[in-house]
Structure formats: C-alpha cells, structure tokens
Amino acid sequence: MRESLVLWRGRRRRRRRLAAGLAGVLLAGLLALRWLGPLRAAAGALGAKADRALADALRPGYTARLDALQDELFALRRTLASQAGLAAENTALRSLLGSEPRPAGRWQPAAVAARALDGRLTLAAPQDLPVGAAVLDAEGRWFGAVAGPGPAGHTIVADPAGQGAGAVPALAGGQNGVLVWHGGRLWLAGLPRHNNLAAGTLVTTADGLWAGTLAEAPMPDETGLNERAPLTDTAAPGTFCFVPAG
C-alpha cells in the first residue's frame, strides 16, 4: 500500500514537471515570435528597398513612375466608386432609349485615307459596315458615325458627331440631350432647364461611348426652353480611327 502511494506521488510530480516544461517551451516560442516578427518585417522592408534601388539602377526613374501609376490607379478606383450611382442612372436611361452598350473588344483600326473641309473622313475599312455604326478616334473617343461606302473600294465615309444624320442622343450626369455641331465645335443641346450640370461632367452617347466633357455649365439656348453647353476633350482623329469589327 505504501509503495503504491509512493509510485502515485512520483507520477504526479513527473506530470507537473512535464507540464511546467511544456509551458516553458510554449512561453519561449511566444516570446520568440514576438521578437522575430519586427525583425522579419524589417528584413522585408530592407529587401523591398534593395529591389527598388536595383530597379532604379537598371532603369532610372522606374520606381518614381511606378509610384505615380499606383497613385493614378488609386485615384481612378476612388472616382469609379463615386460614379457608381451615375452608372446606374445611365444604365436606366440606355434601357429607356432602347440602346444597349456595345460589347468590349470588338473594334478594328481603320486608316484615315482622306479628310474633307467639313470634317468628314474617308477611312480604309470594309464597305459592308452598316450606316450609323460608331467611329472612334485613336483614344477611344466617339468621333461620329459611318455615312456609307467611300469613293473607292474598301473605304467608308464617316461623318463627325452632330453632322450628317443630325443630332445624336447623349447622356450627361443623369440628364439626356442631343449632340449637335455648332460654330465649329460639338455641343450638348436639348438639356432641361435647371439641370445642375457642372463643367467637367462626362458626356456619352446612348451606347455609353465617350463623347467629351462639358467645357462649362449649361446655359439657356435662344428659345429659353432648354439649355446647352459646348464640349471639350472630344475626338481628334489622327492617322487612324476605330470601327466595329463585326
């Protein structure tokens, strides 16, 4: 009986010593993680600095340009987030007008073969493109529409925005108007009075294509019933444009 009691007490002491040892190991591990965390972060920061220094050595100004692009990306994401409500309004207006947005990635380049004094272009593009198909400049801004086949084979004629077929439906900040050509520049006309649009507001076609931005706040037109405003940052065709690929 006494021997059994001694054995039981010995086992109990061994368990206590084992538990104390495990607790010590666990505590040491936690302390190591606490101290190694900052050291690892510092080592990572030094590695990042070394990478940036190497990049600048191989290509001067690379990291500064990368930082600028990251800042632009952040600003763009913030702008897109702030325009979410307007995007929903434009979607509703497109649905009301019966105009669905054109799928992305279906454009082909078309070289500018000739220019007329009134702004009309002759483009090297398939003649089977439908009349009214959109024509974009090299930066993706809406220039106008296909007016028909060109004077030579494999060419088409494109009318500038607001010419040829006349006024074109457009959207701006939840308001709808029409694009017209007046005084040598593109205008957004037919806007309702007191629309509260400001300079810099984006203007798109009913298909959602970039037409420009308001150069100034809209003012009443000669009828006094509507408002209009000139556009800036509009299409400026260079040596080629984009037309639908099919």
C-alpha atoms as a PDB file:
ATOM      1  CA  MET A   1       0.000   0.000   0.000  1.00  0.00           C
ATOM      2  CA  ARG A   2       2.758   2.412   0.967  1.00  0.00           C
ATOM      3  CA  GLU A   3       4.699   1.513  -2.168  1.00  0.00           C
ATOM      4  CA  SER A   4       1.655   2.258  -4.345  1.00  0.00           C
ATOM      5  CA  LEU A   5       1.255   5.656  -2.711  1.00  0.00           C
ATOM      6  CA  VAL A   6       4.912   6.474  -3.359  1.00  0.00           C
ATOM      7  CA  LEU A   7       4.586   5.454  -7.013  1.00  0.00           C
ATOM      8  CA  TRP A   8       1.439   7.585  -7.451  1.00  0.00           C
ATOM      9  CA  ARG A   9       3.146  10.638  -5.928  1.00  0.00           C
ATOM     10  CA  GLY A  10       6.153  10.116  -8.200  1.00  0.00           C
ATOM     11  CA  ARG A  11       3.974  10.006 -11.267  1.00  0.00           C
ATOM     12  CA  ARG A  12       2.176  13.164 -10.151  1.00  0.00           C
ATOM     13  CA  ARG A  13       5.483  15.028  -9.718  1.00  0.00           C
ATOM     14  CA  ARG A  14       6.619  13.870 -13.164  1.00  0.00           C
ATOM     15  CA  ARG A  15       3.386  15.142 -14.713  1.00  0.00           C
ATOM     16  CA  ARG A  16       3.863  18.511 -13.016  1.00  0.00           C
ATOM     17  CA  ARG A  17       7.445  18.750 -14.241  1.00  0.00           C
ATOM     18  CA  LEU A  18       6.338  17.792 -17.779  1.00  0.00           C
ATOM     19  CA  ALA A  19       3.536  20.374 -17.747  1.00  0.00           C
ATOM     20  CA  ALA A  20       5.937  23.029 -16.453  1.00  0.00           C
ATOM     21  CA  GLY A  21       8.419  22.147 -19.186  1.00  0.00           C
ATOM     22  CA  LEU A  22       5.786  22.351 -21.907  1.00  0.00           C
ATOM     23  CA  ALA A  23       4.577  25.701 -20.565  1.00  0.00           C
ATOM     24  CA  GLY A  24       8.145  26.981 -20.627  1.00  0.00           C
ATOM     25  CA  VAL A  25       8.638  25.862 -24.216  1.00  0.00           C
ATOM     26  CA  LEU A  26       5.340  27.490 -25.231  1.00  0.00           C
ATOM     27  CA  LEU A  27       6.263  30.740 -23.493  1.00  0.00           C
ATOM     28  CA  ALA A  28       9.678  30.750 -25.146  1.00  0.00           C
ATOM     29  CA  GLY A  29       8.033  30.216 -28.526  1.00  0.00           C
ATOM     30  CA  LEU A  30       5.616  33.097 -27.996  1.00  0.00           C
ATOM     31  CA  LEU A  31       8.453  35.394 -26.954  1.00  0.00           C
ATOM     32  CA  ALA A  32      10.469  34.340 -29.999  1.00  0.00           C
ATOM     33  CA  LEU A  33       7.538  35.110 -32.306  1.00  0.00           C
ATOM     34  CA  ARG A  34       7.081  38.474 -30.627  1.00  0.00           C
ATOM     35  CA  TRP A  35      10.700  39.436 -31.219  1.00  0.00           C
ATOM     36  CA  LEU A  36      11.130  37.795 -34.601  1.00  0.00           C
ATOM     37  CA  GLY A  37       8.019  39.497 -36.067  1.00  0.00           C
ATOM     38  CA  PRO A  38       9.529  43.015 -36.127  1.00  0.00           C
ATOM     39  CA  LEU A  39      12.856  41.596 -37.270  1.00  0.00           C
ATOM     40  CA  ARG A  40      11.167  39.797 -40.144  1.00  0.00           C
ATOM     41  CA  ALA A  41       9.228  42.957 -41.100  1.00  0.00           C
ATOM     42  CA  ALA A  42      12.441  44.982 -41.005  1.00  0.00           C
ATOM     43  CA  ALA A  43      14.182  42.405 -43.174  1.00  0.00           C
ATOM     44  CA  GLY A  44      11.282  42.541 -45.640  1.00  0.00           C
ATOM     45  CA  ALA A  45      11.451  46.338 -45.762  1.00  0.00           C
ATOM     46  CA  LEU A  46      15.192  46.207 -46.409  1.00  0.00           C
ATOM     47  CA  GLY A  47      14.587  43.701 -49.188  1.00  0.00           C
ATOM     48  CA  ALA A  48      11.966  45.972 -50.778  1.00  0.00           C
ATOM     49  CA  LYS A  49      14.339  48.944 -50.593  1.00  0.00           C
ATOM     50  CA  ALA A  50      17.074  46.873 -52.190  1.00  0.00           C
ATOM     51  CA  ASP A  51      14.724  45.860 -55.011  1.00  0.00           C
ATOM     52  CA  ARG A  52      13.756  49.499 -55.637  1.00  0.00           C
ATOM     53  CA  ALA A  53      17.398  50.584 -55.621  1.00  0.00           C
ATOM     54  CA  LEU A  54      18.281  47.849 -58.112  1.00  0.00           C
ATOM     55  CA  ALA A  55      15.343  48.808 -60.352  1.00  0.00           C
ATOM     56  CA  ASP A  56      16.402  52.471 -60.341  1.00  0.00           C
ATOM     57  CA  ALA A  57      19.965  51.477 -61.140  1.00  0.00           C
ATOM     58  CA  LEU A  58      18.860  49.416 -64.139  1.00  0.00           C
ATOM     59  CA  ARG A  59      16.198  51.898 -65.291  1.00  0.00           C
ATOM     60  CA  PRO A  60      16.458  55.402 -63.794  1.00  0.00           C
ATOM     61  CA  GLY A  61      13.124  56.801 -62.658  1.00  0.00           C
ATOM     62  CA  TYR A  62      11.405  53.416 -62.749  1.00  0.00           C
ATOM     63  CA  THR A  63      10.231  53.404 -59.130  1.00  0.00           C
ATOM     64  CA  ALA A  64       9.035  57.020 -59.307  1.00  0.00           C
ATOM     65  CA  ARG A  65       6.967  56.183 -62.379  1.00  0.00           C
ATOM     66  CA  LEU A  66       5.625  53.062 -60.656  1.00  0.00           C
ATOM     67  CA  ASP A  67       4.602  55.108 -57.609  1.00  0.00           C
ATOM     68  CA  ALA A  68       2.869  57.645 -59.867  1.00  0.00           C
ATOM     69  CA  LEU A  69       0.953  54.877 -61.658  1.00  0.00           C
ATOM     70  CA  GLN A  70      -0.126  53.393 -58.335  1.00  0.00           C
ATOM     71  CA  ASP A  71      -1.378  56.814 -57.224  1.00  0.00           C
ATOM     72  CA  GLU A  72      -3.295  57.175 -60.504  1.00  0.00           C
ATOM     73  CA  LEU A  73      -4.800  53.705 -60.041  1.00  0.00           C
ATOM     74  CA  PHE A  74      -5.927  54.584 -56.516  1.00  0.00           C
ATOM     75  CA  ALA A  75      -7.482  57.852 -57.734  1.00  0.00           C
ATOM     76  CA  LEU A  76      -9.213  56.038 -60.608  1.00  0.00           C
ATOM     77  CA  ARG A  77     -10.688  53.427 -58.272  1.00  0.00           C
ATOM     78  CA  ARG A  78     -11.935  56.175 -55.971  1.00  0.00           C
ATOM     79  CA  THR A  79     -13.506  58.024 -58.917  1.00  0.00           C
ATOM     80  CA  LEU A  80     -15.179  54.869 -60.211  1.00  0.00           C
ATOM     81  CA  ALA A  81     -16.595  54.175 -56.762  1.00  0.00           C
ATOM     82  CA  SER A  82     -18.005  57.700 -56.558  1.00  0.00           C
ATOM     83  CA  GLN A  83     -19.610  57.355 -60.020  1.00  0.00           C
ATOM     84  CA  ALA A  84     -21.438  54.111 -59.246  1.00  0.00           C
ATOM     85  CA  GLY A  85     -24.750  55.944 -58.828  1.00  0.00           C
ATOM     86  CA  LEU A  86     -24.372  57.755 -62.150  1.00  0.00           C
ATOM     87  CA  ALA A  87     -23.532  54.479 -63.883  1.00  0.00           C
ATOM     88  CA  ALA A  88     -26.812  53.028 -62.626  1.00  0.00           C
ATOM     89  CA  GLU A  89     -28.703  56.092 -63.887  1.00  0.00           C
ATOM     90  CA  ASN A  90     -27.046  55.830 -67.296  1.00  0.00           C
ATOM     91  CA  THR A  91     -27.955  52.149 -67.482  1.00  0.00           C
ATOM     92  CA  ALA A  92     -31.584  53.031 -66.787  1.00  0.00           C
ATOM     93  CA  LEU A  93     -31.552  55.784 -69.428  1.00  0.00           C
ATOM     94  CA  ARG A  94     -29.996  53.455 -72.018  1.00  0.00           C
ATOM     95  CA  SER A  95     -32.759  50.975 -71.291  1.00  0.00           C
ATOM     96  CA  LEU A  96     -35.349  53.743 -71.713  1.00  0.00           C
ATOM     97  CA  LEU A  97     -33.813  54.749 -75.060  1.00  0.00           C
ATOM     98  CA  GLY A  98     -33.628  51.117 -76.156  1.00  0.00           C
ATOM     99  CA  SER A  99     -29.864  51.295 -76.681  1.00  0.00           C
ATOM    100  CA  GLU A 100     -27.708  48.503 -75.299  1.00  0.00           C
ATOM    101  CA  PRO A 101     -23.982  49.067 -74.628  1.00  0.00           C
ATOM    102  CA  ARG A 102     -21.680  47.650 -77.296  1.00  0.00           C
ATOM    103  CA  PRO A 103     -19.610  44.634 -76.156  1.00  0.00           C
ATOM    104  CA  ALA A 104     -15.967  45.495 -75.486  1.00  0.00           C
ATOM    105  CA  GLY A 105     -13.129  44.176 -77.606  1.00  0.00           C
ATOM    106  CA  ARG A 106     -14.905  44.265 -80.980  1.00  0.00           C
ATOM    107  CA  TRP A 107     -13.108  47.127 -82.728  1.00  0.00           C
ATOM    108  CA  GLN A 108     -10.635  47.252 -85.605  1.00  0.00           C
ATOM    109  CA  PRO A 109      -8.330  50.074 -86.748  1.00  0.00           C
ATOM    110  CA  ALA A 110      -9.088  51.940 -89.973  1.00  0.00           C
ATOM    111  CA  ALA A 111      -6.512  54.247 -91.557  1.00  0.00           C
ATOM    112  CA  VAL A 112      -7.602  57.775 -92.497  1.00  0.00           C
ATOM    113  CA  ALA A 113      -7.367  57.940 -96.302  1.00  0.00           C
ATOM    114  CA  ALA A 114      -8.743  61.466 -96.831  1.00  0.00           C
ATOM    115  CA  ARG A 115     -10.184  64.453 -94.956  1.00  0.00           C
ATOM    116  CA  ALA A 116     -12.812  66.947 -96.115  1.00  0.00           C
ATOM    117  CA  LEU A 117     -13.059  70.585 -95.040  1.00  0.00           C
ATOM    118  CA  ASP A 118     -16.304  69.866 -93.180  1.00  0.00           C
ATOM    119  CA  GLY A 119     -14.550  67.227 -91.058  1.00  0.00           C
ATOM    120  CA  ARG A 120     -15.827  64.196 -92.963  1.00  0.00           C
ATOM    121  CA  LEU A 121     -13.297  61.339 -93.149  1.00  0.00           C
ATOM    122  CA  THR A 122     -12.679  58.630 -95.703  1.00  0.00           C
ATOM    123  CA  LEU A 123     -11.466  55.516 -93.890  1.00  0.00           C
ATOM    124  CA  ALA A 124      -9.838  52.354 -95.202  1.00  0.00           C
ATOM    125  CA  ALA A 125     -12.403  49.902 -93.839  1.00  0.00           C
ATOM    126  CA  PRO A 126     -14.842  47.253 -95.118  1.00  0.00           C
ATOM    127  CA  GLN A 127     -17.709  48.781 -97.097  1.00  0.00           C
ATOM    128  CA  ASP A 128     -20.253  46.435 -95.526  1.00  0.00           C
ATOM    129  CA  LEU A 129     -20.212  48.322 -92.222  1.00  0.00           C
ATOM    130  CA  PRO A 130     -23.778  49.474 -91.500  1.00  0.00           C
ATOM    131  CA  VAL A 131     -24.675  53.145 -91.847  1.00  0.00           C
ATOM    132  CA  GLY A 132     -24.748  54.688 -88.394  1.00  0.00           C
ATOM    133  CA  ALA A 133     -22.041  52.431 -86.930  1.00  0.00           C
ATOM    134  CA  ALA A 134     -19.866  54.258 -84.411  1.00  0.00           C
ATOM    135  CA  VAL A 135     -16.408  55.573 -85.317  1.00  0.00           C
ATOM    136  CA  LEU A 136     -13.854  56.240 -82.549  1.00  0.00           C
ATOM    137  CA  ASP A 137     -10.580  58.141 -82.572  1.00  0.00           C
ATOM    138  CA  ALA A 138      -7.287  56.519 -81.525  1.00  0.00           C
ATOM    139  CA  GLU A 139      -8.024  57.235 -77.841  1.00  0.00           C
ATOM    140  CA  GLY A 140     -11.462  55.621 -77.941  1.00  0.00           C
ATOM    141  CA  ARG A 141     -13.491  58.855 -78.056  1.00  0.00           C
ATOM    142  CA  TRP A 142     -16.592  58.867 -80.226  1.00  0.00           C
ATOM    143  CA  PHE A 143     -15.910  60.721 -83.485  1.00  0.00           C
ATOM    144  CA  GLY A 144     -19.135  60.141 -85.381  1.00  0.00           C
ATOM    145  CA  ALA A 145     -20.878  57.542 -87.495  1.00  0.00           C
ATOM    146  CA  VAL A 146     -20.456  55.651 -90.746  1.00  0.00           C
ATOM    147  CA  ALA A 147     -22.282  57.527 -93.532  1.00  0.00           C
ATOM    148  CA  GLY A 148     -21.849  54.925 -96.283  1.00  0.00           C
ATOM    149  CA  PRO A 149     -19.331  53.452 -98.756  1.00  0.00           C
ATOM    150  CA  GLY A 150     -16.390  55.594 -99.812  1.00  0.00           C
ATOM    151  CA  PRO A 151     -15.419  56.718-103.325  1.00  0.00           C
ATOM    152  CA  ALA A 152     -13.011  53.814-103.777  1.00  0.00           C
ATOM    153  CA  GLY A 153     -13.162  50.140-102.945  1.00  0.00           C
ATOM    154  CA  HIS A 154     -12.596  49.068 -99.338  1.00  0.00           C
ATOM    155  CA  THR A 155     -13.279  52.572 -97.967  1.00  0.00           C
ATOM    156  CA  ILE A 156     -16.104  54.150 -95.986  1.00  0.00           C
ATOM    157  CA  VAL A 157     -17.142  57.731 -95.252  1.00  0.00           C
ATOM    158  CA  ALA A 158     -17.546  58.828 -91.625  1.00  0.00           C
ATOM    159  CA  ASP A 159     -19.478  61.928 -90.558  1.00  0.00           C
ATOM    160  CA  PRO A 160     -18.345  63.865 -87.471  1.00  0.00           C
ATOM    161  CA  ALA A 161     -20.591  63.877 -84.412  1.00  0.00           C
ATOM    162  CA  GLY A 162     -23.649  66.087 -84.853  1.00  0.00           C
ATOM    163  CA  GLN A 163     -23.336  66.266 -88.652  1.00  0.00           C
ATOM    164  CA  GLY A 164     -24.720  64.199 -91.500  1.00  0.00           C
ATOM    165  CA  ALA A 165     -27.550  62.351 -89.777  1.00  0.00           C
ATOM    166  CA  GLY A 166     -28.074  65.321 -87.463  1.00  0.00           C
ATOM    167  CA  ALA A 167     -28.498  65.390 -83.706  1.00  0.00           C
ATOM    168  CA  VAL A 168     -27.400  62.331 -81.731  1.00  0.00           C
ATOM    169  CA  PRO A 169     -28.914  61.294 -78.349  1.00  0.00           C
ATOM    170  CA  ALA A 170     -26.467  61.673 -75.460  1.00  0.00           C
ATOM    171  CA  LEU A 171     -26.319  61.321 -71.671  1.00  0.00           C
ATOM    172  CA  ALA A 172     -24.685  63.568 -69.059  1.00  0.00           C
ATOM    173  CA  GLY A 173     -24.921  63.177 -65.294  1.00  0.00           C
ATOM    174  CA  GLY A 174     -28.346  61.559 -65.366  1.00  0.00           C
ATOM    175  CA  GLN A 175     -29.717  64.052 -67.941  1.00  0.00           C
ATOM    176  CA  ASN A 176     -30.360  63.359 -71.615  1.00  0.00           C
ATOM    177  CA  GLY A 177     -29.743  65.733 -74.507  1.00  0.00           C
ATOM    178  CA  VAL A 178     -28.501  65.691 -78.094  1.00  0.00           C
ATOM    179  CA  LEU A 179     -25.091  66.243 -79.677  1.00  0.00           C
ATOM    180  CA  VAL A 180     -25.056  68.942 -82.364  1.00  0.00           C
ATOM    181  CA  TRP A 181     -22.334  70.680 -84.352  1.00  0.00           C
ATOM    182  CA  HIS A 182     -22.456  74.461 -83.934  1.00  0.00           C
ATOM    183  CA  GLY A 183     -19.892  77.194 -84.535  1.00  0.00           C
ATOM    184  CA  GLY A 184     -17.126  74.762 -85.375  1.00  0.00           C
ATOM    185  CA  ARG A 185     -17.415  72.694 -82.194  1.00  0.00           C
ATOM    186  CA  LEU A 186     -19.528  69.986 -80.615  1.00  0.00           C
ATOM    187  CA  TRP A 187     -22.342  70.979 -78.230  1.00  0.00           C
ATOM    188  CA  LEU A 188     -24.673  69.124 -75.901  1.00  0.00           C
ATOM    189  CA  ALA A 189     -28.084  70.701 -76.514  1.00  0.00           C
ATOM    190  CA  GLY A 190     -31.700  69.989 -75.626  1.00  0.00           C
ATOM    191  CA  LEU A 191     -30.997  69.774 -71.894  1.00  0.00           C
ATOM    192  CA  PRO A 192     -33.819  70.566 -69.460  1.00  0.00           C
ATOM    193  CA  ARG A 193     -33.689  73.877 -67.623  1.00  0.00           C
ATOM    194  CA  HIS A 194     -32.095  73.956 -64.163  1.00  0.00           C
ATOM    195  CA  ASN A 195     -30.319  70.635 -64.737  1.00  0.00           C
ATOM    196  CA  ASN A 196     -27.499  71.499 -62.270  1.00  0.00           C
ATOM    197  CA  LEU A 197     -24.803  70.039 -64.534  1.00  0.00           C
ATOM    198  CA  ALA A 198     -21.308  71.425 -63.935  1.00  0.00           C
ATOM    199  CA  ALA A 199     -18.251  71.924 -66.110  1.00  0.00           C
ATOM    200  CA  GLY A 200     -16.280  68.698 -66.419  1.00  0.00           C
ATOM    201  CA  THR A 201     -19.343  66.424 -66.440  1.00  0.00           C
ATOM    202  CA  LEU A 202     -18.789  63.372 -68.635  1.00  0.00           C
ATOM    203  CA  VAL A 203     -20.950  63.163 -71.772  1.00  0.00           C
ATOM    204  CA  THR A 204     -21.539  59.820 -73.500  1.00  0.00           C
ATOM    205  CA  THR A 205     -23.589  58.573 -76.405  1.00  0.00           C
ATOM    206  CA  ALA A 206     -26.623  56.409 -75.708  1.00  0.00           C
ATOM    207  CA  ASP A 207     -24.322  53.409 -76.295  1.00  0.00           C
ATOM    208  CA  GLY A 208     -22.044  54.561 -73.485  1.00  0.00           C
ATOM    209  CA  LEU A 209     -19.227  55.819 -75.751  1.00  0.00           C
ATOM    210  CA  TRP A 210     -17.148  58.814 -74.632  1.00  0.00           C
ATOM    211  CA  ALA A 211     -18.243  61.989 -76.453  1.00  0.00           C
ATOM    212  CA  GLY A 212     -16.435  64.570 -74.294  1.00  0.00           C
ATOM    213  CA  THR A 213     -16.894  66.623 -71.134  1.00  0.00           C
ATOM    214  CA  LEU A 214     -18.797  69.855 -70.570  1.00  0.00           C
ATOM    215  CA  ALA A 215     -16.494  72.826 -71.126  1.00  0.00           C
ATOM    216  CA  GLU A 216     -18.780  74.992 -68.961  1.00  0.00           C
ATOM    217  CA  ALA A 217     -22.082  74.806 -67.107  1.00  0.00           C
ATOM    218  CA  PRO A 218     -25.099  74.701 -69.476  1.00  0.00           C
ATOM    219  CA  MET A 219     -26.837  77.993 -70.288  1.00  0.00           C
ATOM    220  CA  PRO A 220     -30.304  78.670 -71.772  1.00  0.00           C
ATOM    221  CA  ASP A 221     -30.463  78.495 -75.574  1.00  0.00           C
ATOM    222  CA  GLU A 222     -32.159  81.029 -77.862  1.00  0.00           C
ATOM    223  CA  THR A 223     -35.587  79.510 -77.232  1.00  0.00           C
ATOM    224  CA  GLY A 224     -35.290  79.807 -73.465  1.00  0.00           C
ATOM    225  CA  LEU A 225     -36.882  76.380 -73.123  1.00  0.00           C
ATOM    226  CA  ASN A 226     -33.716  74.286 -72.974  1.00  0.00           C
ATOM    227  CA  GLU A 227     -30.055  74.623 -72.057  1.00  0.00           C
ATOM    228  CA  ARG A 228     -26.873  73.746 -73.917  1.00  0.00           C
ATOM    229  CA  ALA A 229     -23.111  73.729 -73.372  1.00  0.00           C
ATOM    230  CA  PRO A 230     -20.016  73.250 -75.543  1.00  0.00           C
ATOM    231  CA  LEU A 231     -17.890  70.134 -75.097  1.00  0.00           C
ATOM    232  CA  THR A 232     -14.178  69.710 -74.605  1.00  0.00           C
ATOM    233  CA  ASP A 233     -11.921  66.625 -74.705  1.00  0.00           C
ATOM    234  CA  THR A 234     -13.755  65.468 -77.825  1.00  0.00           C
ATOM    235  CA  ALA A 235     -12.481  63.180 -80.592  1.00  0.00           C
ATOM    236  CA  ALA A 236      -9.413  64.305 -82.541  1.00  0.00           C
ATOM    237  CA  PRO A 237      -8.743  61.764 -85.317  1.00  0.00           C
ATOM    238  CA  GLY A 238      -5.104  61.292 -86.269  1.00  0.00           C
ATOM    239  CA  THR A 239      -3.797  58.820 -88.808  1.00  0.00           C
ATOM    240  CA  PHE A 240      -6.344  56.138 -87.932  1.00  0.00           C
ATOM    241  CA  CYS A 241      -9.691  55.540 -86.226  1.00  0.00           C
ATOM    242  CA  PHE A 242     -11.520  52.520 -84.837  1.00  0.00           C
ATOM    243  CA  VAL A 243     -14.633  50.974 -86.374  1.00  0.00           C
ATOM    244  CA  PRO A 244     -16.701  47.930 -85.295  1.00  0.00           C
ATOM    245  CA  ALA A 245     -15.024  44.621 -86.086  1.00  0.00           C
ATOM    246  CA  GLY A 246     -18.229  42.852 -86.945  1.00  0.00           C
END
